[in-house]
Amino acid sequence: MPKKTPTKSKSSEKNIDFEKTMQELEKLVERMEQGDLTLEQSLKDFERGVELTRHAQSALREAEQKVQLLMKSTGQDQLVDFEEDTDT
């Protein structure tokens, strides 16, 4: 009987997917900032960038919803805004 390989959880796959999305977006931005692309390639890259941005925003919204659910399950109904420590 063959060994079963452990499968990644969906949340870890989405996290990796988010990281890959951000890396690809950064590469697109760098390439477009160089200014060496044709207009056609620039438009193609821009379109891909919009697609990647939408994917990243969706992943962030989903993560925020999960955090809110976790907060509610611990008795905290609202998220508080993050304030950076300015004493450093």
Protein backbone atom coordinates (compact mmCIF):
# COMPACT_ATOMS: atom_id res chain seq x y z
CA MET A 1 0.00 0.00 0.00
CA PRO A 2 1.56 3.36 -1.03
CA LYS A 3 2.23 5.96 1.61
CA LYS A 4 -0.08 8.93 1.65
CA THR A 5 1.70 12.21 1.24
CA PRO A 6 0.50 14.89 3.62
CA THR A 7 -1.62 17.48 1.94
CA LYS A 8 -1.30 21.14 2.69
CA SER A 9 -4.24 22.83 4.31
CA LYS A 10 -6.20 25.22 2.16
CA SER A 11 -5.20 28.15 4.34
CA SER A 12 -1.48 27.46 3.91
CA GLU A 13 -1.96 27.06 0.15
CA LYS A 14 -3.78 30.41 0.03
CA ASN A 15 -1.00 32.03 2.06
CA ILE A 16 1.63 30.71 -0.36
CA ASP A 17 -0.59 31.80 -3.23
CA PHE A 18 -0.77 35.31 -1.73
CA GLU A 19 2.99 35.45 -1.36
CA LYS A 20 3.49 34.34 -4.97
CA THR A 21 0.96 36.92 -6.10
CA MET A 22 2.85 39.69 -4.33
CA GLN A 23 6.19 38.51 -5.74
CA GLU A 24 4.80 38.46 -9.27
CA LEU A 25 3.30 41.92 -8.78
CA GLU A 26 6.65 43.27 -7.60
CA LYS A 27 8.40 41.81 -10.65
CA LEU A 28 5.81 43.35 -12.97
CA VAL A 29 6.23 46.75 -11.37
CA GLU A 30 10.02 46.56 -11.63
CA ARG A 31 9.83 45.57 -15.28
CA MET A 32 7.36 48.35 -16.10
CA GLU A 33 9.42 50.94 -14.22
CA GLN A 34 12.44 50.17 -16.41
CA GLY A 35 10.55 51.59 -19.36
CA ASP A 36 11.97 49.13 -21.91
CA LEU A 37 8.66 47.46 -22.80
CA THR A 38 6.60 48.02 -25.90
CA LEU A 39 3.20 49.60 -25.48
CA GLU A 40 1.57 46.23 -26.15
CA GLN A 41 3.68 44.47 -23.51
CA SER A 42 3.11 47.30 -21.04
CA LEU A 43 -0.65 46.99 -21.48
CA LYS A 44 -0.46 43.21 -21.10
CA ASP A 45 1.60 43.56 -17.92
CA PHE A 46 -0.74 46.24 -16.60
CA GLU A 47 -3.73 43.97 -17.19
CA ARG A 48 -1.95 41.13 -15.35
CA GLY A 49 -1.12 43.52 -12.53
CA VAL A 50 -4.77 44.48 -12.13
CA GLU A 51 -5.71 40.80 -12.02
CA LEU A 52 -3.05 40.08 -9.39
CA THR A 53 -4.11 43.10 -7.34
CA ARG A 54 -7.71 41.91 -7.29
CA HIS A 55 -6.58 38.47 -6.18
CA ALA A 56 -4.45 39.92 -3.39
CA GLN A 57 -7.27 42.21 -2.20
CA SER A 58 -9.64 39.25 -2.12
CA ALA A 59 -7.17 37.21 -0.07
CA LEU A 60 -6.74 40.10 2.38
CA ARG A 61 -10.52 40.54 2.75
CA GLU A 62 -10.86 36.82 3.46
CA ALA A 63 -8.08 36.99 6.07
CA GLU A 64 -9.76 39.97 7.72
CA GLN A 65 -13.05 38.09 7.90
CA LYS A 66 -11.31 35.14 9.54
CA VAL A 67 -9.69 37.44 12.09
CA GLN A 68 -13.07 39.00 12.86
CA LEU A 69 -14.61 35.55 13.36
CA LEU A 70 -11.77 34.57 15.68
CA MET A 71 -12.15 37.80 17.62
CA LYS A 72 -15.89 37.19 18.03
CA SER A 73 -15.25 33.64 19.21
CA THR A 74 -13.02 35.03 21.98
CA GLY A 75 -15.63 37.55 23.07
CA GLN A 76 -14.23 40.61 21.33
CA ASP A 77 -16.75 42.02 18.89
CA GLN A 78 -14.66 44.71 17.22
CA LEU A 79 -11.20 45.04 15.82
CA VAL A 80 -9.16 47.99 17.02
CA ASP A 81 -6.96 50.01 14.72
CA PHE A 82 -3.27 49.24 14.90
CA GLU A 83 -1.21 52.11 16.24
CA GLU A 84 2.54 52.01 15.80
CA ASP A 85 4.70 52.53 18.82
CA THR A 86 6.27 55.95 18.24
CA ASP A 87 8.48 55.81 21.34
CA THR A 88 11.31 53.99 19.57
